[in-house]
Amino acid sequence: METNQNPVQEQPAEQLYDPNEAAQIVCVLTDGYFNPEYILLFGKLAGGTHHSDATAYDLLMVVRETPKYDWIQAKRILRYKMPPRHRKIAYINLYILPLNYVESNRTPFLYFAHAEGELLYHSDHCHFRRPKHPIDFAKAYADAKFHFDTFRTLGNDLLEQAQDAFAEGATCVWRHSSRRRPWSISTTRCITSITVWSSASMIR
């Protein structure tokens, strides 16, 4: 009985992005705007842990010196040089971090980006290395939970104060309007209360 001794060849995974488009993004960023040590594509498009709900270029750009442009200006440059309507993938999430921060912090975000990401660019003097050991996820979880509990409490207090201010402002407007008195001052207080309440809602 003859058996097939040829090993089964695995089919290459389907690439989820256009390498030429990714290379063009890198070219725009490094064309006089930034001088990065390296740029990583991570998350869904790199076949790693999902970082964005929508399909997007999740890019981590590590720089040695503080750049002249921030991530907001970088995205404006990309929109001008590569309009979203002309891209196959419209969304770009760009994270710009200094090298000394990356080297001195071990967070889940940095770990997954470096362990699973694809290296799109590196400078001539950069020696990119993958993490050799996993991070302490239990410690990372404890730190995240501590910060979440702290800011959740502060956020709830702020929401309660905003709701009380909103209710007080609305009551003042109703009283002044029912008495047919000028209510410009009450309107101002109400608008201010609404603004505070809306800002607090965005925090939640």
C-alpha atoms as a PDB file:
ATOM      1  CA  MET A   1       0.000   0.000   0.000  1.00  0.00           C
ATOM      2  CA  GLU A   2       1.490   3.260  -1.066  1.00  0.00           C
ATOM      3  CA  THR A   3       1.261   6.330   1.106  1.00  0.00           C
ATOM      4  CA  ASN A   4       1.827   9.916   0.228  1.00  0.00           C
ATOM      5  CA  GLN A   5       5.067  10.988   1.891  1.00  0.00           C
ATOM      6  CA  ASN A   6       4.896  14.586   0.709  1.00  0.00           C
ATOM      7  CA  PRO A   7       4.292  16.996   3.581  1.00  0.00           C
ATOM      8  CA  VAL A   8       1.120  19.060   3.458  1.00  0.00           C
ATOM      9  CA  GLN A   9       1.961  22.562   2.381  1.00  0.00           C
ATOM     10  CA  GLU A  10       0.204  25.260   4.359  1.00  0.00           C
ATOM     11  CA  GLN A  11      -1.572  27.910   2.365  1.00  0.00           C
ATOM     12  CA  PRO A  12      -0.191  31.398   3.011  1.00  0.00           C
ATOM     13  CA  ALA A  13      -2.475  33.557   5.112  1.00  0.00           C
ATOM     14  CA  GLU A  14      -4.425  36.120   3.165  1.00  0.00           C
ATOM     15  CA  GLN A  15      -2.977  39.602   3.555  1.00  0.00           C
ATOM     16  CA  LEU A  16      -5.549  41.961   4.972  1.00  0.00           C
ATOM     17  CA  TYR A  17      -4.031  45.169   3.615  1.00  0.00           C
ATOM     18  CA  ASP A  18      -2.309  46.461   0.513  1.00  0.00           C
ATOM     19  CA  PRO A  19       1.483  46.538   1.126  1.00  0.00           C
ATOM     20  CA  ASN A  20       1.877  49.291  -1.461  1.00  0.00           C
ATOM     21  CA  GLU A  21      -0.654  51.456   0.349  1.00  0.00           C
ATOM     22  CA  ALA A  22       1.080  50.827   3.690  1.00  0.00           C
ATOM     23  CA  ALA A  23       4.434  51.694   2.100  1.00  0.00           C
ATOM     24  CA  GLN A  24       2.958  54.931   0.784  1.00  0.00           C
ATOM     25  CA  ILE A  25       1.753  55.865   4.279  1.00  0.00           C
ATOM     26  CA  VAL A  26       5.253  55.265   5.637  1.00  0.00           C
ATOM     27  CA  CYS A  27       6.718  57.320   2.802  1.00  0.00           C
ATOM     28  CA  VAL A  28       4.465  60.276   3.632  1.00  0.00           C
ATOM     29  CA  LEU A  29       5.311  60.149   7.340  1.00  0.00           C
ATOM     30  CA  THR A  30       9.064  59.953   6.766  1.00  0.00           C
ATOM     31  CA  ASP A  31       9.209  62.535   3.972  1.00  0.00           C
ATOM     32  CA  GLY A  32      10.531  65.417   6.063  1.00  0.00           C
ATOM     33  CA  TYR A  33       7.835  65.255   8.746  1.00  0.00           C
ATOM     34  CA  PHE A  34       9.128  62.570  11.103  1.00  0.00           C
ATOM     35  CA  ASN A  35      12.425  60.796  11.672  1.00  0.00           C
ATOM     36  CA  PRO A  36      11.255  57.610  13.396  1.00  0.00           C
ATOM     37  CA  GLU A  37      13.317  54.764  14.751  1.00  0.00           C
ATOM     38  CA  TYR A  38      10.723  52.310  13.485  1.00  0.00           C
ATOM     39  CA  ILE A  39       7.073  52.001  12.494  1.00  0.00           C
ATOM     40  CA  LEU A  40       4.966  48.961  13.354  1.00  0.00           C
ATOM     41  CA  LEU A  41       1.661  47.825  11.901  1.00  0.00           C
ATOM     42  CA  PHE A  42      -0.183  45.900  14.599  1.00  0.00           C
ATOM     43  CA  GLY A  43      -3.678  44.725  15.428  1.00  0.00           C
ATOM     44  CA  LYS A  44      -6.219  43.241  13.057  1.00  0.00           C
ATOM     45  CA  LEU A  45      -4.452  43.979   9.777  1.00  0.00           C
ATOM     46  CA  ALA A  46      -1.250  42.339  11.036  1.00  0.00           C
ATOM     47  CA  GLY A  47      -3.147  39.212  12.040  1.00  0.00           C
ATOM     48  CA  GLY A  48      -2.657  39.935  15.733  1.00  0.00           C
ATOM     49  CA  THR A  49      -4.835  40.871  18.660  1.00  0.00           C
ATOM     50  CA  HIS A  50      -7.627  43.159  17.494  1.00  0.00           C
ATOM     51  CA  HIS A  51      -7.094  46.735  18.576  1.00  0.00           C
ATOM     52  CA  SER A  52      -9.712  48.626  16.553  1.00  0.00           C
ATOM     53  CA  ASP A  53     -13.342  47.718  15.980  1.00  0.00           C
ATOM     54  CA  ALA A  54     -13.241  49.120  12.464  1.00  0.00           C
ATOM     55  CA  THR A  55     -10.728  47.984   9.869  1.00  0.00           C
ATOM     56  CA  ALA A  56      -7.869  50.444  10.248  1.00  0.00           C
ATOM     57  CA  TYR A  57      -4.128  50.848   9.983  1.00  0.00           C
ATOM     58  CA  ASP A  58      -3.031  50.652  13.623  1.00  0.00           C
ATOM     59  CA  LEU A  59       0.441  52.160  13.483  1.00  0.00           C
ATOM     60  CA  LEU A  60       2.975  52.611  16.267  1.00  0.00           C
ATOM     61  CA  MET A  61       5.691  55.112  15.370  1.00  0.00           C
ATOM     62  CA  VAL A  62       8.603  55.260  17.809  1.00  0.00           C
ATOM     63  CA  VAL A  63      10.780  58.377  17.695  1.00  0.00           C
ATOM     64  CA  ARG A  64      14.032  59.227  19.444  1.00  0.00           C
ATOM     65  CA  GLU A  65      13.516  62.994  19.602  1.00  0.00           C
ATOM     66  CA  THR A  66      10.311  64.910  20.251  1.00  0.00           C
ATOM     67  CA  PRO A  67       8.851  65.537  16.782  1.00  0.00           C
ATOM     68  CA  LYS A  68       7.663  68.888  15.513  1.00  0.00           C
ATOM     69  CA  TYR A  69       4.275  67.452  14.621  1.00  0.00           C
ATOM     70  CA  ASP A  70       1.873  65.567  16.865  1.00  0.00           C
ATOM     71  CA  TRP A  71      -0.468  62.743  15.882  1.00  0.00           C
ATOM     72  CA  ILE A  72      -3.336  65.133  15.046  1.00  0.00           C
ATOM     73  CA  GLN A  73      -1.158  67.075  12.610  1.00  0.00           C
ATOM     74  CA  ALA A  74       0.196  63.803  11.220  1.00  0.00           C
ATOM     75  CA  LYS A  75      -3.314  62.606  10.430  1.00  0.00           C
ATOM     76  CA  ARG A  76      -4.081  65.909   8.722  1.00  0.00           C
ATOM     77  CA  ILE A  77      -0.976  65.491   6.585  1.00  0.00           C
ATOM     78  CA  LEU A  78      -2.038  61.979   5.655  1.00  0.00           C
ATOM     79  CA  ARG A  79      -5.552  63.157   4.769  1.00  0.00           C
ATOM     80  CA  TYR A  80      -4.059  65.805   2.509  1.00  0.00           C
ATOM     81  CA  LYS A  81      -1.425  63.581   0.875  1.00  0.00           C
ATOM     82  CA  MET A  82      -3.570  60.440   0.783  1.00  0.00           C
ATOM     83  CA  PRO A  83      -7.284  61.345   0.884  1.00  0.00           C
ATOM     84  CA  PRO A  84      -9.351  58.574   2.539  1.00  0.00           C
ATOM     85  CA  ARG A  85     -11.586  58.265  -0.520  1.00  0.00           C
ATOM     86  CA  HIS A  86      -8.536  57.187  -2.513  1.00  0.00           C
ATOM     87  CA  ARG A  87      -7.388  54.585   0.019  1.00  0.00           C
ATOM     88  CA  LYS A  88      -8.503  50.984   0.212  1.00  0.00           C
ATOM     89  CA  ILE A  89      -8.577  51.285   4.003  1.00  0.00           C
ATOM     90  CA  ALA A  90      -9.779  54.712   5.064  1.00  0.00           C
ATOM     91  CA  TYR A  91      -8.973  54.702   8.771  1.00  0.00           C
ATOM     92  CA  ILE A  92      -5.518  55.243  10.256  1.00  0.00           C
ATOM     93  CA  ASN A  93      -4.847  55.114  14.002  1.00  0.00           C
ATOM     94  CA  LEU A  94      -1.394  56.574  14.594  1.00  0.00           C
ATOM     95  CA  TYR A  95       0.406  56.366  17.929  1.00  0.00           C
ATOM     96  CA  ILE A  96       3.626  58.373  18.339  1.00  0.00           C
ATOM     97  CA  LEU A  97       5.755  57.432  21.346  1.00  0.00           C
ATOM     98  CA  PRO A  98       9.296  58.370  22.371  1.00  0.00           C
ATOM     99  CA  LEU A  99      11.881  55.612  22.392  1.00  0.00           C
ATOM    100  CA  ASN A 100      12.816  56.102  26.047  1.00  0.00           C
ATOM    101  CA  TYR A 101       9.170  55.599  27.066  1.00  0.00           C
ATOM    102  CA  VAL A 102       8.863  52.418  25.025  1.00  0.00           C
ATOM    103  CA  GLU A 103      12.095  50.993  26.451  1.00  0.00           C
ATOM    104  CA  SER A 104      11.180  51.777  30.066  1.00  0.00           C
ATOM    105  CA  ASN A 105       7.533  50.648  30.075  1.00  0.00           C
ATOM    106  CA  ARG A 106       6.090  47.174  29.730  1.00  0.00           C
ATOM    107  CA  THR A 107       2.399  47.534  29.016  1.00  0.00           C
ATOM    108  CA  PRO A 108       0.016  45.148  27.227  1.00  0.00           C
ATOM    109  CA  PHE A 109      -0.351  47.682  24.419  1.00  0.00           C
ATOM    110  CA  LEU A 110       3.397  47.841  23.777  1.00  0.00           C
ATOM    111  CA  TYR A 111       3.830  44.110  24.265  1.00  0.00           C
ATOM    112  CA  PHE A 112       1.235  43.077  21.681  1.00  0.00           C
ATOM    113  CA  ALA A 113       2.359  45.738  19.212  1.00  0.00           C
ATOM    114  CA  HIS A 114       5.974  44.534  19.357  1.00  0.00           C
ATOM    115  CA  ALA A 115       5.241  40.810  19.641  1.00  0.00           C
ATOM    116  CA  GLU A 116       2.647  40.584  16.858  1.00  0.00           C
ATOM    117  CA  GLY A 117       3.209  43.680  14.734  1.00  0.00           C
ATOM    118  CA  GLU A 118       4.771  43.872  11.303  1.00  0.00           C
ATOM    119  CA  LEU A 119       7.831  46.069  10.928  1.00  0.00           C
ATOM    120  CA  LEU A 120       7.060  48.508   8.121  1.00  0.00           C
ATOM    121  CA  TYR A 121      10.075  50.766   8.578  1.00  0.00           C
ATOM    122  CA  HIS A 122      13.241  51.102  10.644  1.00  0.00           C
ATOM    123  CA  SER A 123      16.146  53.526  10.557  1.00  0.00           C
ATOM    124  CA  ASP A 124      19.643  52.439   9.574  1.00  0.00           C
ATOM    125  CA  HIS A 125      20.920  52.491  13.148  1.00  0.00           C
ATOM    126  CA  CYS A 126      17.858  50.853  14.708  1.00  0.00           C
ATOM    127  CA  HIS A 127      18.044  47.228  15.859  1.00  0.00           C
ATOM    128  CA  PHE A 128      14.442  46.199  16.322  1.00  0.00           C
ATOM    129  CA  ARG A 129      13.886  43.297  18.712  1.00  0.00           C
ATOM    130  CA  ARG A 130      10.808  41.295  19.620  1.00  0.00           C
ATOM    131  CA  PRO A 131      10.023  40.888  23.332  1.00  0.00           C
ATOM    132  CA  LYS A 132      11.605  37.696  24.674  1.00  0.00           C
ATOM    133  CA  HIS A 133       9.356  37.282  27.683  1.00  0.00           C
ATOM    134  CA  PRO A 134       5.650  37.979  28.206  1.00  0.00           C
ATOM    135  CA  ILE A 135       4.682  40.788  30.520  1.00  0.00           C
ATOM    136  CA  ASP A 136       3.079  40.316  33.927  1.00  0.00           C
ATOM    137  CA  PHE A 137      -0.562  40.464  32.867  1.00  0.00           C
ATOM    138  CA  ALA A 138      -1.797  40.110  36.455  1.00  0.00           C
ATOM    139  CA  LYS A 139       0.094  43.258  37.457  1.00  0.00           C
ATOM    140  CA  ALA A 140      -1.088  45.093  34.346  1.00  0.00           C
ATOM    141  CA  TYR A 141      -4.685  44.131  35.177  1.00  0.00           C
ATOM    142  CA  ALA A 142      -4.315  45.317  38.777  1.00  0.00           C
ATOM    143  CA  ASP A 143      -2.904  48.670  37.646  1.00  0.00           C
ATOM    144  CA  ALA A 144      -5.666  49.141  35.070  1.00  0.00           C
ATOM    145  CA  LYS A 145      -8.373  48.240  37.599  1.00  0.00           C
ATOM    146  CA  PHE A 146      -6.956  50.679  40.144  1.00  0.00           C
ATOM    147  CA  HIS A 147      -7.026  53.563  37.657  1.00  0.00           C
ATOM    148  CA  PHE A 148     -10.471  52.566  36.378  1.00  0.00           C
ATOM    149  CA  ASP A 149     -11.979  52.459  39.882  1.00  0.00           C
ATOM    150  CA  THR A 150     -10.357  55.796  40.769  1.00  0.00           C
ATOM    151  CA  PHE A 151     -11.606  57.698  37.729  1.00  0.00           C
ATOM    152  CA  ARG A 152     -14.998  55.975  37.729  1.00  0.00           C
ATOM    153  CA  THR A 153     -15.670  57.330  41.221  1.00  0.00           C
ATOM    154  CA  LEU A 154     -14.559  60.825  40.235  1.00  0.00           C
ATOM    155  CA  GLY A 155     -16.610  60.617  37.050  1.00  0.00           C
ATOM    156  CA  ASN A 156     -19.755  59.580  38.906  1.00  0.00           C
ATOM    157  CA  ASP A 157     -19.331  62.487  41.343  1.00  0.00           C
ATOM    158  CA  LEU A 158     -18.902  64.910  38.458  1.00  0.00           C
ATOM    159  CA  LEU A 159     -22.005  63.573  36.720  1.00  0.00           C
ATOM    160  CA  GLU A 160     -24.096  63.974  39.867  1.00  0.00           C
ATOM    161  CA  GLN A 161     -22.921  67.579  40.296  1.00  0.00           C
ATOM    162  CA  ALA A 162     -23.638  68.325  36.633  1.00  0.00           C
ATOM    163  CA  GLN A 163     -27.127  66.829  36.841  1.00  0.00           C
ATOM    164  CA  ASP A 164     -27.906  68.873  39.979  1.00  0.00           C
ATOM    165  CA  ALA A 165     -26.657  72.034  38.262  1.00  0.00           C
ATOM    166  CA  PHE A 166     -28.734  71.223  35.185  1.00  0.00           C
ATOM    167  CA  ALA A 167     -31.888  70.657  37.249  1.00  0.00           C
ATOM    168  CA  GLU A 168     -31.355  73.891  39.190  1.00  0.00           C
ATOM    169  CA  GLY A 169     -30.773  75.873  35.992  1.00  0.00           C
ATOM    170  CA  ALA A 170     -33.881  74.441  34.328  1.00  0.00           C
ATOM    171  CA  THR A 171     -35.987  75.281  37.405  1.00  0.00           C
ATOM    172  CA  CYS A 172     -34.769  78.879  37.401  1.00  0.00           C
ATOM    173  CA  VAL A 173     -35.689  79.313  33.742  1.00  0.00           C
ATOM    174  CA  TRP A 174     -39.193  77.953  34.327  1.00  0.00           C
ATOM    175  CA  ARG A 175     -39.814  80.249  37.300  1.00  0.00           C
ATOM    176  CA  HIS A 176     -38.670  83.388  35.503  1.00  0.00           C
ATOM    177  CA  SER A 177     -40.615  82.600  32.358  1.00  0.00           C
ATOM    178  CA  SER A 178     -43.788  81.869  34.296  1.00  0.00           C
ATOM    179  CA  ARG A 179     -43.584  85.239  36.053  1.00  0.00           C
ATOM    180  CA  ARG A 180     -42.945  87.057  32.747  1.00  0.00           C
ATOM    181  CA  ARG A 181     -39.662  88.489  34.036  1.00  0.00           C
ATOM    182  CA  PRO A 182     -36.495  88.966  31.990  1.00  0.00           C
ATOM    183  CA  TRP A 183     -34.753  85.620  32.066  1.00  0.00           C
ATOM    184  CA  SER A 184     -31.529  86.276  30.224  1.00  0.00           C
ATOM    185  CA  ILE A 185     -29.490  85.567  33.385  1.00  0.00           C
ATOM    186  CA  SER A 186     -31.357  82.308  33.969  1.00  0.00           C
ATOM    187  CA  THR A 187     -30.860  81.296  30.359  1.00  0.00           C
ATOM    188  CA  THR A 188     -27.130  81.867  30.733  1.00  0.00           C
ATOM    189  CA  ARG A 189     -27.048  79.706  33.857  1.00  0.00           C
ATOM    190  CA  CYS A 190     -29.029  76.989  32.102  1.00  0.00           C
ATOM    191  CA  ILE A 191     -26.754  76.993  29.067  1.00  0.00           C
ATOM    192  CA  THR A 192     -23.726  76.820  31.347  1.00  0.00           C
ATOM    193  CA  SER A 193     -25.271  73.896  33.215  1.00  0.00           C
ATOM    194  CA  ILE A 194     -26.054  72.079  29.986  1.00  0.00           C
ATOM    195  CA  THR A 195     -22.464  72.590  28.822  1.00  0.00           C
ATOM    196  CA  VAL A 196     -21.071  71.166  32.079  1.00  0.00           C
ATOM    197  CA  TRP A 197     -23.490  68.230  31.961  1.00  0.00           C
ATOM    198  CA  SER A 198     -22.619  67.452  28.326  1.00  0.00           C
ATOM    199  CA  SER A 199     -18.897  67.531  29.062  1.00  0.00           C
ATOM    200  CA  ALA A 200     -19.381  65.171  31.974  1.00  0.00           C
ATOM    201  CA  SER A 201     -21.400  62.797  29.805  1.00  0.00           C
ATOM    202  CA  MET A 202     -18.533  62.626  27.316  1.00  0.00           C
ATOM    203  CA  ILE A 203     -16.228  61.466  30.119  1.00  0.00           C
ATOM    204  CA  ARG A 204     -18.529  58.522  30.740  1.00  0.00           C
END
